N, C-alpha and C. Protein backbone atom coordinates (compact mmCIF):
# COMPACT_ATOMS: atom_id res chain seq x y z
N MET A 1 21.43 13.74 -1.38
CA MET A 1 20.29 14.65 -1.25
C MET A 1 19.02 13.97 -1.74
N ILE A 2 17.97 14.07 -0.97
CA ILE A 2 16.70 13.45 -1.33
C ILE A 2 16.03 14.25 -2.44
N LYS A 3 15.66 13.54 -3.52
CA LYS A 3 14.98 14.16 -4.66
C LYS A 3 13.59 13.59 -4.91
N ALA A 4 13.30 12.42 -4.29
CA ALA A 4 12.04 11.75 -4.58
C ALA A 4 11.56 10.97 -3.38
N LEU A 5 10.25 10.71 -3.35
CA LEU A 5 9.64 9.90 -2.30
C LEU A 5 8.66 8.92 -2.94
N ILE A 6 8.74 7.65 -2.53
CA ILE A 6 7.83 6.62 -3.00
C ILE A 6 6.95 6.20 -1.82
N PHE A 7 5.64 6.19 -2.03
CA PHE A 7 4.69 5.86 -0.97
C PHE A 7 3.96 4.56 -1.24
N ASP A 8 3.78 3.77 -0.19
CA ASP A 8 2.77 2.72 -0.21
C ASP A 8 1.41 3.41 -0.29
N LEU A 9 0.37 2.66 -0.69
CA LEU A 9 -0.96 3.27 -0.85
C LEU A 9 -1.90 2.95 0.29
N ASP A 10 -2.28 1.68 0.45
CA ASP A 10 -3.27 1.30 1.45
C ASP A 10 -2.77 1.57 2.87
N GLY A 11 -3.49 2.40 3.60
CA GLY A 11 -3.12 2.68 4.97
C GLY A 11 -2.08 3.75 5.13
N THR A 12 -1.32 4.02 4.08
CA THR A 12 -0.26 5.04 4.13
C THR A 12 -0.75 6.36 3.54
N LEU A 13 -1.21 6.31 2.29
CA LEU A 13 -1.74 7.51 1.64
C LEU A 13 -3.25 7.61 1.75
N ALA A 14 -3.92 6.46 1.74
CA ALA A 14 -5.39 6.46 1.66
C ALA A 14 -6.01 5.49 2.66
N GLU A 15 -7.18 5.90 3.16
CA GLU A 15 -7.99 5.05 4.03
C GLU A 15 -8.81 4.12 3.13
N THR A 16 -8.34 2.89 2.98
CA THR A 16 -8.96 1.97 2.02
C THR A 16 -9.57 0.73 2.67
N LEU A 17 -9.56 0.66 3.98
CA LEU A 17 -9.98 -0.56 4.66
C LEU A 17 -11.45 -0.91 4.39
N GLU A 18 -12.32 0.10 4.31
CA GLU A 18 -13.73 -0.17 4.05
C GLU A 18 -13.91 -0.84 2.69
N SER A 19 -13.20 -0.35 1.69
CA SER A 19 -13.35 -0.90 0.34
C SER A 19 -12.85 -2.33 0.27
N LEU A 20 -11.77 -2.62 0.95
CA LEU A 20 -11.21 -3.97 0.94
C LEU A 20 -12.11 -4.94 1.70
N THR A 21 -12.54 -4.54 2.88
CA THR A 21 -13.41 -5.40 3.68
C THR A 21 -14.72 -5.68 2.95
N TYR A 22 -15.29 -4.65 2.35
CA TYR A 22 -16.56 -4.78 1.64
C TYR A 22 -16.43 -5.75 0.46
N SER A 23 -15.36 -5.59 -0.31
CA SER A 23 -15.16 -6.43 -1.49
C SER A 23 -14.87 -7.88 -1.12
N VAL A 24 -14.06 -8.09 -0.10
CA VAL A 24 -13.77 -9.45 0.36
C VAL A 24 -15.03 -10.12 0.89
N SER A 25 -15.80 -9.38 1.69
CA SER A 25 -17.00 -9.95 2.28
C SER A 25 -18.05 -10.29 1.22
N LEU A 26 -18.19 -9.45 0.21
CA LEU A 26 -19.11 -9.76 -0.88
C LEU A 26 -18.70 -11.05 -1.58
N THR A 27 -17.42 -11.20 -1.80
CA THR A 27 -16.90 -12.41 -2.46
C THR A 27 -17.19 -13.65 -1.62
N LEU A 28 -16.90 -13.57 -0.34
CA LEU A 28 -17.13 -14.71 0.54
C LEU A 28 -18.60 -15.09 0.62
N LYS A 29 -19.47 -14.09 0.69
CA LYS A 29 -20.90 -14.36 0.80
C LYS A 29 -21.44 -15.02 -0.47
N GLU A 30 -20.89 -14.66 -1.61
CA GLU A 30 -21.29 -15.33 -2.86
C GLU A 30 -20.92 -16.81 -2.84
N LEU A 31 -19.86 -17.13 -2.11
CA LEU A 31 -19.40 -18.51 -2.01
C LEU A 31 -20.05 -19.26 -0.85
N GLY A 32 -20.94 -18.56 -0.11
CA GLY A 32 -21.67 -19.20 0.97
C GLY A 32 -21.00 -19.13 2.32
N PHE A 33 -20.06 -18.19 2.50
CA PHE A 33 -19.36 -18.05 3.76
C PHE A 33 -19.66 -16.68 4.38
N PRO A 34 -19.49 -16.55 5.69
CA PRO A 34 -19.68 -15.24 6.31
C PRO A 34 -18.58 -14.28 5.90
N GLY A 35 -18.87 -13.00 5.98
CA GLY A 35 -17.84 -12.01 5.67
C GLY A 35 -16.82 -11.93 6.79
N ILE A 36 -15.85 -11.04 6.62
CA ILE A 36 -14.84 -10.84 7.65
C ILE A 36 -14.98 -9.45 8.25
N THR A 37 -14.39 -9.24 9.40
CA THR A 37 -14.42 -7.94 10.06
C THR A 37 -13.32 -7.04 9.50
N LYS A 38 -13.44 -5.76 9.77
CA LYS A 38 -12.39 -4.83 9.34
C LYS A 38 -11.07 -5.16 10.02
N GLU A 39 -11.14 -5.58 11.27
CA GLU A 39 -9.92 -5.93 12.00
C GLU A 39 -9.23 -7.13 11.35
N GLN A 40 -10.02 -8.12 10.95
CA GLN A 40 -9.44 -9.27 10.26
C GLN A 40 -8.83 -8.85 8.93
N CYS A 41 -9.58 -8.07 8.18
CA CYS A 41 -9.10 -7.64 6.87
C CYS A 41 -7.79 -6.87 6.98
N ALA A 42 -7.73 -5.97 7.96
CA ALA A 42 -6.51 -5.17 8.15
C ALA A 42 -5.31 -6.07 8.39
N SER A 43 -5.51 -7.14 9.14
CA SER A 43 -4.38 -8.03 9.44
C SER A 43 -3.99 -8.90 8.25
N PHE A 44 -4.89 -9.04 7.26
CA PHE A 44 -4.62 -9.87 6.08
C PHE A 44 -3.96 -9.08 4.95
N ILE A 45 -4.02 -7.75 5.02
CA ILE A 45 -3.57 -6.89 3.93
C ILE A 45 -2.05 -6.77 3.91
N GLY A 46 -1.48 -6.63 2.71
CA GLY A 46 -0.06 -6.32 2.59
C GLY A 46 0.68 -7.13 1.56
N ASN A 47 0.21 -8.36 1.32
CA ASN A 47 0.93 -9.25 0.42
C ASN A 47 0.20 -9.52 -0.89
N GLY A 48 -0.73 -8.65 -1.24
CA GLY A 48 -1.43 -8.79 -2.50
C GLY A 48 -2.80 -9.44 -2.36
N ALA A 49 -3.60 -9.34 -3.42
CA ALA A 49 -5.00 -9.77 -3.39
C ALA A 49 -5.16 -11.28 -3.21
N ARG A 50 -4.30 -12.05 -3.81
CA ARG A 50 -4.44 -13.51 -3.71
C ARG A 50 -4.20 -13.99 -2.28
N VAL A 51 -3.18 -13.43 -1.63
CA VAL A 51 -2.91 -13.79 -0.23
C VAL A 51 -4.05 -13.30 0.65
N LEU A 52 -4.57 -12.12 0.37
CA LEU A 52 -5.71 -11.59 1.11
C LEU A 52 -6.89 -12.56 1.06
N MET A 53 -7.23 -13.05 -0.13
CA MET A 53 -8.36 -13.97 -0.26
C MET A 53 -8.06 -15.32 0.36
N ASP A 54 -6.85 -15.77 0.28
CA ASP A 54 -6.46 -17.04 0.91
C ASP A 54 -6.73 -16.98 2.41
N LYS A 55 -6.26 -15.91 3.04
CA LYS A 55 -6.44 -15.76 4.49
C LYS A 55 -7.91 -15.56 4.85
N ALA A 56 -8.64 -14.84 4.00
CA ALA A 56 -10.05 -14.59 4.27
C ALA A 56 -10.87 -15.87 4.20
N ILE A 57 -10.60 -16.71 3.21
CA ILE A 57 -11.30 -17.99 3.08
C ILE A 57 -11.05 -18.85 4.31
N ARG A 58 -9.81 -18.93 4.73
CA ARG A 58 -9.47 -19.74 5.90
C ARG A 58 -10.14 -19.21 7.16
N ALA A 59 -10.18 -17.88 7.29
CA ALA A 59 -10.81 -17.28 8.46
C ALA A 59 -12.31 -17.53 8.50
N SER A 60 -12.92 -17.72 7.33
CA SER A 60 -14.36 -17.96 7.24
C SER A 60 -14.71 -19.44 7.31
N GLY A 61 -13.70 -20.28 7.46
CA GLY A 61 -13.95 -21.71 7.60
C GLY A 61 -13.95 -22.48 6.30
N GLY A 62 -13.52 -21.86 5.21
CA GLY A 62 -13.51 -22.53 3.92
C GLY A 62 -12.21 -23.24 3.64
N ASN A 63 -12.23 -24.07 2.61
CA ASN A 63 -11.04 -24.79 2.16
C ASN A 63 -10.38 -23.97 1.06
N SER A 64 -9.30 -23.30 1.41
CA SER A 64 -8.65 -22.41 0.47
C SER A 64 -8.08 -23.15 -0.74
N GLU A 65 -7.59 -24.36 -0.53
CA GLU A 65 -7.02 -25.13 -1.64
C GLU A 65 -8.05 -25.38 -2.72
N GLU A 66 -9.30 -25.58 -2.33
CA GLU A 66 -10.37 -25.85 -3.28
C GLU A 66 -10.97 -24.58 -3.88
N LEU A 67 -11.01 -23.50 -3.11
CA LEU A 67 -11.79 -22.33 -3.48
C LEU A 67 -10.98 -21.13 -3.94
N LEU A 68 -9.68 -21.15 -3.71
CA LEU A 68 -8.90 -19.92 -3.89
C LEU A 68 -8.96 -19.39 -5.32
N ASP A 69 -8.78 -20.23 -6.31
CA ASP A 69 -8.78 -19.74 -7.70
C ASP A 69 -10.10 -19.07 -8.06
N THR A 70 -11.20 -19.71 -7.70
CA THR A 70 -12.51 -19.14 -7.97
C THR A 70 -12.73 -17.85 -7.20
N ALA A 71 -12.38 -17.88 -5.92
CA ALA A 71 -12.59 -16.70 -5.06
C ALA A 71 -11.73 -15.53 -5.52
N TYR A 72 -10.50 -15.80 -5.87
CA TYR A 72 -9.60 -14.74 -6.31
C TYR A 72 -10.10 -14.09 -7.59
N HIS A 73 -10.54 -14.91 -8.53
CA HIS A 73 -11.07 -14.39 -9.80
C HIS A 73 -12.30 -13.52 -9.55
N ARG A 74 -13.21 -13.98 -8.70
CA ARG A 74 -14.42 -13.22 -8.43
C ARG A 74 -14.10 -11.96 -7.63
N TYR A 75 -13.18 -12.06 -6.69
CA TYR A 75 -12.78 -10.88 -5.92
C TYR A 75 -12.24 -9.78 -6.83
N ARG A 76 -11.42 -10.15 -7.80
CA ARG A 76 -10.87 -9.15 -8.71
C ARG A 76 -12.00 -8.42 -9.46
N GLN A 77 -13.04 -9.15 -9.84
CA GLN A 77 -14.17 -8.52 -10.51
C GLN A 77 -14.92 -7.57 -9.59
N ILE A 78 -15.17 -8.02 -8.37
CA ILE A 78 -15.90 -7.21 -7.41
C ILE A 78 -15.08 -5.99 -7.00
N PHE A 79 -13.80 -6.20 -6.75
CA PHE A 79 -12.95 -5.10 -6.29
C PHE A 79 -12.78 -4.04 -7.37
N ALA A 80 -12.80 -4.46 -8.62
CA ALA A 80 -12.71 -3.49 -9.72
C ALA A 80 -13.88 -2.51 -9.66
N GLN A 81 -15.01 -2.96 -9.14
CA GLN A 81 -16.20 -2.13 -9.03
C GLN A 81 -16.21 -1.29 -7.76
N TYR A 82 -15.64 -1.83 -6.69
CA TYR A 82 -15.78 -1.17 -5.39
C TYR A 82 -14.45 -0.70 -4.79
N CYS A 83 -13.41 -0.59 -5.59
CA CYS A 83 -12.09 -0.23 -5.03
C CYS A 83 -12.07 1.16 -4.41
N ASN A 84 -13.01 2.02 -4.79
CA ASN A 84 -13.06 3.36 -4.20
C ASN A 84 -14.20 3.53 -3.21
N TYR A 85 -14.79 2.42 -2.76
CA TYR A 85 -15.90 2.45 -1.82
C TYR A 85 -15.44 3.05 -0.48
N GLN A 86 -15.97 4.23 -0.16
CA GLN A 86 -15.66 4.95 1.09
C GLN A 86 -14.17 5.21 1.27
N VAL A 87 -13.44 5.32 0.18
CA VAL A 87 -12.00 5.62 0.26
C VAL A 87 -11.80 7.13 0.32
N GLU A 88 -10.83 7.56 1.11
CA GLU A 88 -10.45 8.96 1.17
C GLU A 88 -8.99 9.06 1.59
N PRO A 89 -8.33 10.17 1.25
CA PRO A 89 -6.93 10.33 1.66
C PRO A 89 -6.81 10.35 3.18
N VAL A 90 -5.72 9.85 3.69
CA VAL A 90 -5.42 9.95 5.11
C VAL A 90 -5.36 11.43 5.49
N LYS A 91 -5.89 11.78 6.64
CA LYS A 91 -5.88 13.16 7.10
C LYS A 91 -4.45 13.71 7.15
N GLY A 92 -4.24 14.82 6.52
CA GLY A 92 -2.93 15.45 6.49
C GLY A 92 -2.08 15.09 5.29
N ILE A 93 -2.44 14.02 4.58
CA ILE A 93 -1.66 13.59 3.42
C ILE A 93 -1.76 14.59 2.26
N PRO A 94 -2.95 15.08 1.90
CA PRO A 94 -3.00 16.04 0.78
C PRO A 94 -2.13 17.27 1.02
N GLU A 95 -2.12 17.77 2.25
CA GLU A 95 -1.30 18.94 2.56
C GLU A 95 0.19 18.61 2.47
N LEU A 96 0.57 17.41 2.94
CA LEU A 96 1.96 16.98 2.84
C LEU A 96 2.40 16.89 1.39
N LEU A 97 1.58 16.23 0.57
CA LEU A 97 1.95 16.04 -0.83
C LEU A 97 2.06 17.36 -1.57
N GLU A 98 1.14 18.28 -1.30
CA GLU A 98 1.20 19.58 -1.95
C GLU A 98 2.47 20.33 -1.55
N ASP A 99 2.84 20.22 -0.29
CA ASP A 99 4.07 20.87 0.19
C ASP A 99 5.29 20.27 -0.50
N LEU A 100 5.31 18.94 -0.62
CA LEU A 100 6.43 18.27 -1.29
C LEU A 100 6.52 18.67 -2.76
N LYS A 101 5.38 18.77 -3.42
CA LYS A 101 5.38 19.16 -4.83
C LYS A 101 5.87 20.60 -4.99
N ARG A 102 5.45 21.46 -4.08
CA ARG A 102 5.92 22.87 -4.15
C ARG A 102 7.43 22.95 -4.02
N GLN A 103 8.00 22.03 -3.24
CA GLN A 103 9.45 22.03 -3.04
C GLN A 103 10.19 21.33 -4.17
N GLY A 104 9.46 20.74 -5.10
CA GLY A 104 10.09 20.15 -6.27
C GLY A 104 10.44 18.68 -6.17
N TYR A 105 9.96 17.99 -5.14
CA TYR A 105 10.25 16.56 -5.03
C TYR A 105 9.41 15.75 -6.02
N LYS A 106 10.00 14.69 -6.56
CA LYS A 106 9.25 13.74 -7.37
C LYS A 106 8.53 12.77 -6.44
N LEU A 107 7.32 12.35 -6.84
CA LEU A 107 6.50 11.51 -5.97
C LEU A 107 6.05 10.25 -6.71
N GLY A 108 6.10 9.12 -6.02
CA GLY A 108 5.66 7.87 -6.60
C GLY A 108 4.78 7.07 -5.66
N VAL A 109 4.04 6.12 -6.20
CA VAL A 109 3.22 5.19 -5.43
C VAL A 109 3.60 3.77 -5.83
N PHE A 110 3.83 2.93 -4.84
CA PHE A 110 4.19 1.53 -5.08
C PHE A 110 3.36 0.68 -4.13
N SER A 111 2.43 -0.11 -4.69
CA SER A 111 1.47 -0.86 -3.88
C SER A 111 1.40 -2.31 -4.33
N ASN A 112 0.98 -3.18 -3.41
CA ASN A 112 0.68 -4.57 -3.76
C ASN A 112 -0.78 -4.76 -4.13
N LYS A 113 -1.55 -3.67 -4.17
CA LYS A 113 -2.91 -3.72 -4.69
C LYS A 113 -2.83 -3.96 -6.19
N PRO A 114 -3.79 -4.71 -6.79
CA PRO A 114 -3.74 -4.90 -8.24
C PRO A 114 -3.55 -3.57 -8.97
N HIS A 115 -2.73 -3.58 -10.01
CA HIS A 115 -2.35 -2.33 -10.67
C HIS A 115 -3.52 -1.49 -11.16
N PRO A 116 -4.52 -2.08 -11.83
CA PRO A 116 -5.62 -1.22 -12.31
C PRO A 116 -6.34 -0.50 -11.18
N GLN A 117 -6.53 -1.19 -10.05
CA GLN A 117 -7.21 -0.55 -8.93
C GLN A 117 -6.30 0.43 -8.19
N THR A 118 -5.01 0.17 -8.20
CA THR A 118 -4.07 1.15 -7.65
C THR A 118 -4.19 2.46 -8.41
N VAL A 119 -4.20 2.38 -9.72
CA VAL A 119 -4.33 3.58 -10.56
C VAL A 119 -5.68 4.25 -10.32
N ASP A 120 -6.76 3.45 -10.24
CA ASP A 120 -8.09 4.02 -10.02
C ASP A 120 -8.17 4.79 -8.71
N VAL A 121 -7.66 4.19 -7.64
CA VAL A 121 -7.72 4.84 -6.33
C VAL A 121 -6.87 6.10 -6.31
N VAL A 122 -5.69 6.03 -6.88
CA VAL A 122 -4.81 7.20 -6.91
C VAL A 122 -5.45 8.32 -7.73
N ASP A 123 -5.95 8.00 -8.90
CA ASP A 123 -6.54 9.03 -9.77
C ASP A 123 -7.76 9.68 -9.13
N GLN A 124 -8.61 8.88 -8.50
CA GLN A 124 -9.84 9.44 -7.94
C GLN A 124 -9.58 10.28 -6.71
N ASN A 125 -8.57 9.90 -5.93
CA ASN A 125 -8.35 10.59 -4.66
C ASN A 125 -7.29 11.68 -4.72
N PHE A 126 -6.42 11.62 -5.72
CA PHE A 126 -5.36 12.62 -5.81
C PHE A 126 -5.30 13.33 -7.16
N GLY A 127 -5.94 12.75 -8.16
CA GLY A 127 -5.95 13.37 -9.47
C GLY A 127 -5.07 12.61 -10.45
N GLU A 128 -5.54 12.50 -11.68
CA GLU A 128 -4.78 11.81 -12.72
C GLU A 128 -3.49 12.56 -13.02
N GLY A 129 -2.38 11.84 -13.05
CA GLY A 129 -1.10 12.47 -13.34
C GLY A 129 -0.47 13.20 -12.17
N TYR A 130 -1.05 13.07 -10.97
CA TYR A 130 -0.53 13.78 -9.80
C TYR A 130 0.85 13.26 -9.40
N PHE A 131 1.02 11.93 -9.49
CA PHE A 131 2.30 11.30 -9.14
C PHE A 131 3.13 11.05 -10.39
N ASP A 132 4.44 11.04 -10.21
CA ASP A 132 5.35 10.82 -11.33
C ASP A 132 5.35 9.37 -11.79
N VAL A 133 5.05 8.44 -10.89
CA VAL A 133 4.94 7.03 -11.24
C VAL A 133 3.95 6.38 -10.28
N VAL A 134 3.13 5.47 -10.80
CA VAL A 134 2.19 4.70 -9.98
C VAL A 134 2.32 3.24 -10.39
N LEU A 135 2.64 2.39 -9.43
CA LEU A 135 2.83 0.97 -9.72
C LEU A 135 2.08 0.12 -8.71
N GLY A 136 1.18 -0.72 -9.22
CA GLY A 136 0.52 -1.73 -8.39
C GLY A 136 1.01 -3.11 -8.79
N GLN A 137 0.38 -4.14 -8.24
CA GLN A 137 0.80 -5.50 -8.54
C GLN A 137 0.49 -5.84 -9.99
N ARG A 138 1.54 -6.24 -10.73
CA ARG A 138 1.43 -6.63 -12.13
C ARG A 138 2.08 -7.98 -12.31
N GLU A 139 1.64 -8.69 -13.34
CA GLU A 139 2.19 -10.02 -13.59
C GLU A 139 3.66 -9.98 -13.99
N ASP A 140 4.09 -8.87 -14.59
CA ASP A 140 5.46 -8.81 -15.09
C ASP A 140 6.46 -8.26 -14.08
N ILE A 141 5.98 -7.84 -12.90
CA ILE A 141 6.87 -7.31 -11.87
C ILE A 141 6.50 -7.96 -10.54
N PRO A 142 7.43 -8.63 -9.86
CA PRO A 142 7.11 -9.29 -8.60
C PRO A 142 6.62 -8.28 -7.56
N ARG A 143 5.70 -8.71 -6.70
CA ARG A 143 5.17 -7.82 -5.67
C ARG A 143 6.20 -7.61 -4.55
N LYS A 144 5.97 -6.57 -3.78
CA LYS A 144 6.81 -6.35 -2.60
C LYS A 144 6.77 -7.58 -1.70
N PRO A 145 7.90 -7.92 -1.07
CA PRO A 145 9.11 -7.12 -0.89
C PRO A 145 10.20 -7.31 -1.94
N ASP A 146 9.93 -8.00 -3.03
CA ASP A 146 10.92 -8.11 -4.09
C ASP A 146 11.34 -6.69 -4.52
N PRO A 147 12.63 -6.44 -4.70
CA PRO A 147 13.10 -5.08 -5.00
C PRO A 147 12.89 -4.61 -6.43
N LYS A 148 12.43 -5.50 -7.32
CA LYS A 148 12.31 -5.10 -8.73
C LYS A 148 11.30 -3.98 -8.93
N GLY A 149 10.21 -4.01 -8.18
CA GLY A 149 9.21 -2.94 -8.31
C GLY A 149 9.73 -1.60 -7.85
N MET A 150 10.49 -1.62 -6.77
CA MET A 150 11.08 -0.38 -6.27
C MET A 150 12.04 0.19 -7.31
N GLN A 151 12.83 -0.69 -7.92
CA GLN A 151 13.77 -0.22 -8.94
C GLN A 151 13.04 0.33 -10.15
N PHE A 152 11.92 -0.28 -10.49
CA PHE A 152 11.08 0.24 -11.58
C PHE A 152 10.68 1.68 -11.30
N CYS A 153 10.24 1.94 -10.08
CA CYS A 153 9.82 3.30 -9.70
C CYS A 153 11.00 4.28 -9.72
N LEU A 154 12.13 3.83 -9.20
CA LEU A 154 13.32 4.69 -9.20
C LEU A 154 13.73 5.04 -10.63
N ASP A 155 13.73 4.04 -11.50
CA ASP A 155 14.11 4.28 -12.90
C ASP A 155 13.14 5.25 -13.57
N ALA A 156 11.84 5.08 -13.26
CA ALA A 156 10.83 5.95 -13.87
C ALA A 156 11.02 7.41 -13.45
N MET A 157 11.48 7.60 -12.23
CA MET A 157 11.69 8.97 -11.72
C MET A 157 13.12 9.46 -11.95
N GLN A 158 13.96 8.56 -12.47
CA GLN A 158 15.36 8.90 -12.78
C GLN A 158 16.11 9.38 -11.54
N VAL A 159 15.97 8.60 -10.46
CA VAL A 159 16.70 8.89 -9.23
C VAL A 159 17.35 7.60 -8.73
N SER A 160 18.35 7.76 -7.88
CA SER A 160 19.03 6.61 -7.30
C SER A 160 18.41 6.25 -5.95
N VAL A 161 18.80 5.10 -5.42
CA VAL A 161 18.33 4.68 -4.10
C VAL A 161 18.69 5.73 -3.05
N GLU A 162 19.87 6.28 -3.16
CA GLU A 162 20.34 7.26 -2.17
C GLU A 162 19.56 8.58 -2.24
N GLU A 163 18.89 8.82 -3.36
CA GLU A 163 18.17 10.07 -3.55
C GLU A 163 16.68 9.95 -3.25
N CYS A 164 16.28 8.81 -2.66
CA CYS A 164 14.86 8.56 -2.48
C CYS A 164 14.55 8.01 -1.09
N LEU A 165 13.37 8.31 -0.60
CA LEU A 165 12.82 7.71 0.61
C LEU A 165 11.62 6.85 0.23
N TYR A 166 11.43 5.75 0.97
CA TYR A 166 10.23 4.94 0.81
C TYR A 166 9.41 5.05 2.08
N ILE A 167 8.09 5.19 1.94
CA ILE A 167 7.21 5.38 3.09
C ILE A 167 6.11 4.34 3.05
N GLY A 168 5.98 3.54 4.13
CA GLY A 168 4.96 2.51 4.19
C GLY A 168 4.43 2.31 5.60
N ASP A 169 3.58 1.27 5.76
CA ASP A 169 2.90 1.10 7.04
C ASP A 169 2.87 -0.33 7.56
N SER A 170 3.63 -1.23 6.94
CA SER A 170 3.51 -2.63 7.34
C SER A 170 4.85 -3.34 7.36
N GLU A 171 4.83 -4.58 7.85
CA GLU A 171 6.04 -5.40 7.86
C GLU A 171 6.51 -5.67 6.44
N VAL A 172 5.60 -5.72 5.49
CA VAL A 172 5.98 -5.92 4.08
C VAL A 172 6.78 -4.71 3.60
N ASP A 173 6.40 -3.53 4.03
CA ASP A 173 7.13 -2.33 3.64
C ASP A 173 8.51 -2.27 4.29
N VAL A 174 8.60 -2.73 5.53
CA VAL A 174 9.91 -2.81 6.18
C VAL A 174 10.83 -3.71 5.37
N ARG A 175 10.33 -4.87 4.98
CA ARG A 175 11.13 -5.82 4.20
C ARG A 175 11.43 -5.28 2.81
N ALA A 176 10.45 -4.60 2.21
CA ALA A 176 10.67 -4.04 0.87
C ALA A 176 11.81 -3.03 0.89
N GLY A 177 11.84 -2.22 1.93
CA GLY A 177 12.92 -1.25 2.07
C GLY A 177 14.27 -1.92 2.25
N GLU A 178 14.28 -2.98 3.05
CA GLU A 178 15.53 -3.71 3.27
C GLU A 178 16.02 -4.36 1.99
N GLU A 179 15.12 -4.98 1.25
CA GLU A 179 15.49 -5.66 0.02
C GLU A 179 16.02 -4.69 -1.04
N ALA A 180 15.42 -3.50 -1.08
CA ALA A 180 15.83 -2.51 -2.08
C ALA A 180 16.98 -1.63 -1.57
N ARG A 181 17.32 -1.79 -0.30
CA ARG A 181 18.38 -0.99 0.33
C ARG A 181 18.10 0.50 0.24
N ILE A 182 16.85 0.84 0.50
CA ILE A 182 16.40 2.22 0.46
C ILE A 182 15.96 2.63 1.87
N ARG A 183 16.26 3.84 2.27
CA ARG A 183 15.83 4.28 3.60
C ARG A 183 14.31 4.30 3.64
N THR A 184 13.76 3.68 4.66
CA THR A 184 12.32 3.51 4.75
C THR A 184 11.76 4.15 6.00
N ILE A 185 10.75 4.97 5.82
CA ILE A 185 10.05 5.61 6.93
C ILE A 185 8.73 4.87 7.11
N ILE A 186 8.47 4.41 8.33
CA ILE A 186 7.26 3.65 8.61
C ILE A 186 6.28 4.52 9.38
N VAL A 187 5.04 4.57 8.89
CA VAL A 187 4.01 5.38 9.53
C VAL A 187 3.22 4.52 10.51
N THR A 188 2.72 5.15 11.57
CA THR A 188 2.01 4.41 12.62
C THR A 188 0.49 4.54 12.50
N TRP A 189 0.01 5.24 11.46
CA TRP A 189 -1.44 5.42 11.32
C TRP A 189 -2.09 4.38 10.39
N GLY A 190 -1.32 3.40 9.94
CA GLY A 190 -1.82 2.44 8.97
C GLY A 190 -2.45 1.20 9.58
N PHE A 191 -2.18 0.03 8.97
CA PHE A 191 -2.86 -1.21 9.33
C PHE A 191 -2.13 -2.04 10.38
N ARG A 192 -1.03 -1.56 10.92
CA ARG A 192 -0.29 -2.30 11.93
C ARG A 192 -0.05 -1.42 13.16
N THR A 193 0.04 -2.06 14.32
CA THR A 193 0.32 -1.34 15.55
C THR A 193 1.82 -1.03 15.62
N ARG A 194 2.15 -0.08 16.45
CA ARG A 194 3.56 0.26 16.64
C ARG A 194 4.36 -0.96 17.12
N LYS A 195 3.75 -1.74 17.99
CA LYS A 195 4.41 -2.94 18.51
C LYS A 195 4.70 -3.93 17.38
N GLU A 196 3.73 -4.13 16.49
CA GLU A 196 3.91 -5.04 15.36
C GLU A 196 5.00 -4.54 14.43
N LEU A 197 5.04 -3.24 14.22
CA LEU A 197 6.02 -2.65 13.32
C LEU A 197 7.44 -2.79 13.88
N LEU A 198 7.58 -2.55 15.17
CA LEU A 198 8.90 -2.69 15.80
C LEU A 198 9.36 -4.14 15.75
N LYS A 199 8.42 -5.07 15.98
CA LYS A 199 8.76 -6.49 15.92
C LYS A 199 9.20 -6.89 14.52
N ALA A 200 8.64 -6.21 13.51
CA ALA A 200 8.99 -6.51 12.12
C ALA A 200 10.33 -5.91 11.71
N GLY A 201 10.90 -5.08 12.57
CA GLY A 201 12.21 -4.52 12.27
C GLY A 201 12.23 -3.05 11.95
N ALA A 202 11.09 -2.36 12.09
CA ALA A 202 11.06 -0.92 11.87
C ALA A 202 11.95 -0.24 12.89
N LYS A 203 12.69 0.77 12.45
CA LYS A 203 13.58 1.49 13.35
C LYS A 203 12.81 2.62 14.04
N PRO A 204 12.87 2.71 15.36
CA PRO A 204 12.12 3.75 16.09
C PRO A 204 12.41 5.16 15.57
N GLU A 205 13.66 5.40 15.19
CA GLU A 205 14.03 6.74 14.71
C GLU A 205 13.49 7.03 13.31
N ASP A 206 13.00 5.99 12.64
CA ASP A 206 12.44 6.16 11.30
C ASP A 206 10.94 5.83 11.26
N MET A 207 10.26 6.16 12.36
CA MET A 207 8.81 6.00 12.44
C MET A 207 8.17 7.36 12.70
N ILE A 208 7.04 7.60 12.04
CA ILE A 208 6.35 8.88 12.22
C ILE A 208 4.88 8.64 12.55
N ASN A 209 4.31 9.59 13.32
CA ASN A 209 2.93 9.48 13.78
C ASN A 209 1.96 10.39 13.04
N GLU A 210 2.49 11.38 12.33
CA GLU A 210 1.66 12.31 11.56
C GLU A 210 2.37 12.61 10.24
N PRO A 211 1.60 12.84 9.16
CA PRO A 211 2.20 13.04 7.84
C PRO A 211 3.28 14.12 7.79
N MET A 212 3.05 15.27 8.39
CA MET A 212 4.01 16.36 8.25
C MET A 212 5.34 16.08 8.94
N GLU A 213 5.39 15.05 9.80
CA GLU A 213 6.65 14.68 10.43
C GLU A 213 7.66 14.18 9.41
N LEU A 214 7.19 13.79 8.25
CA LEU A 214 8.08 13.29 7.21
C LEU A 214 9.08 14.35 6.77
N GLU A 215 8.70 15.60 6.91
CA GLU A 215 9.56 16.69 6.45
C GLU A 215 10.93 16.69 7.11
N ARG A 216 11.00 16.18 8.33
CA ARG A 216 12.29 16.24 9.02
C ARG A 216 13.35 15.33 8.41
N TYR A 217 12.96 14.42 7.52
CA TYR A 217 13.91 13.53 6.88
C TYR A 217 14.42 14.07 5.55
N LEU A 218 13.95 15.24 5.18
CA LEU A 218 14.30 15.80 3.88
C LEU A 218 15.44 16.81 4.01
N ASP A 219 16.18 16.97 2.92
CA ASP A 219 17.26 17.94 2.88
C ASP A 219 16.67 19.29 2.48
N HIS A 220 16.91 20.28 3.27
CA HIS A 220 16.42 21.63 2.94
C HIS A 220 17.61 22.55 2.76
N GLU A 221 17.60 23.27 1.68
CA GLU A 221 18.73 24.18 1.41
C GLU A 221 18.23 25.62 1.41
């Protein structure tokens, strides 16, 4: 029986692309390079801030081997300031979450966004303490798709893999679910196309197009 749900953040729960693109572009411009487009940024997201900056530097014509450490450090400073820039919950998500809470499900967030900014975005858009656990990228816990972060969330909510669903929007989330051996529902409103998600291994029967469709995977008594 499902007792809990763990959600990815960027693209799944919240529209964060503007904040990411803005912060990356500011960083690049400080280094003397052009910014990136939202489409480019969306394709770079999923594997954490350092990978995001690595891909952004390369896309702008820079030498990532020479600039990455400096760019990553500056990006973290800029993103700490602008992580909520034009961010808002995905349409239909607040209603879904409220319905889940009314039914007594435990809720978690597991993101590869830096942990302080994960907490900031969640608190500002959903309220402090709204979720039972919130985990972003931390030095002491490997980022997705390593299963240790998922287990951290499960332990915090005191549920087993069999009692939980994971919900995400990217190939990283598909792999994270596989590594943790947790049933994973992939949403199509995030940063990847349906074609990309299917190619990454998402199961057609476990893909949803609107937030409230998630309800059909829950046990109702």
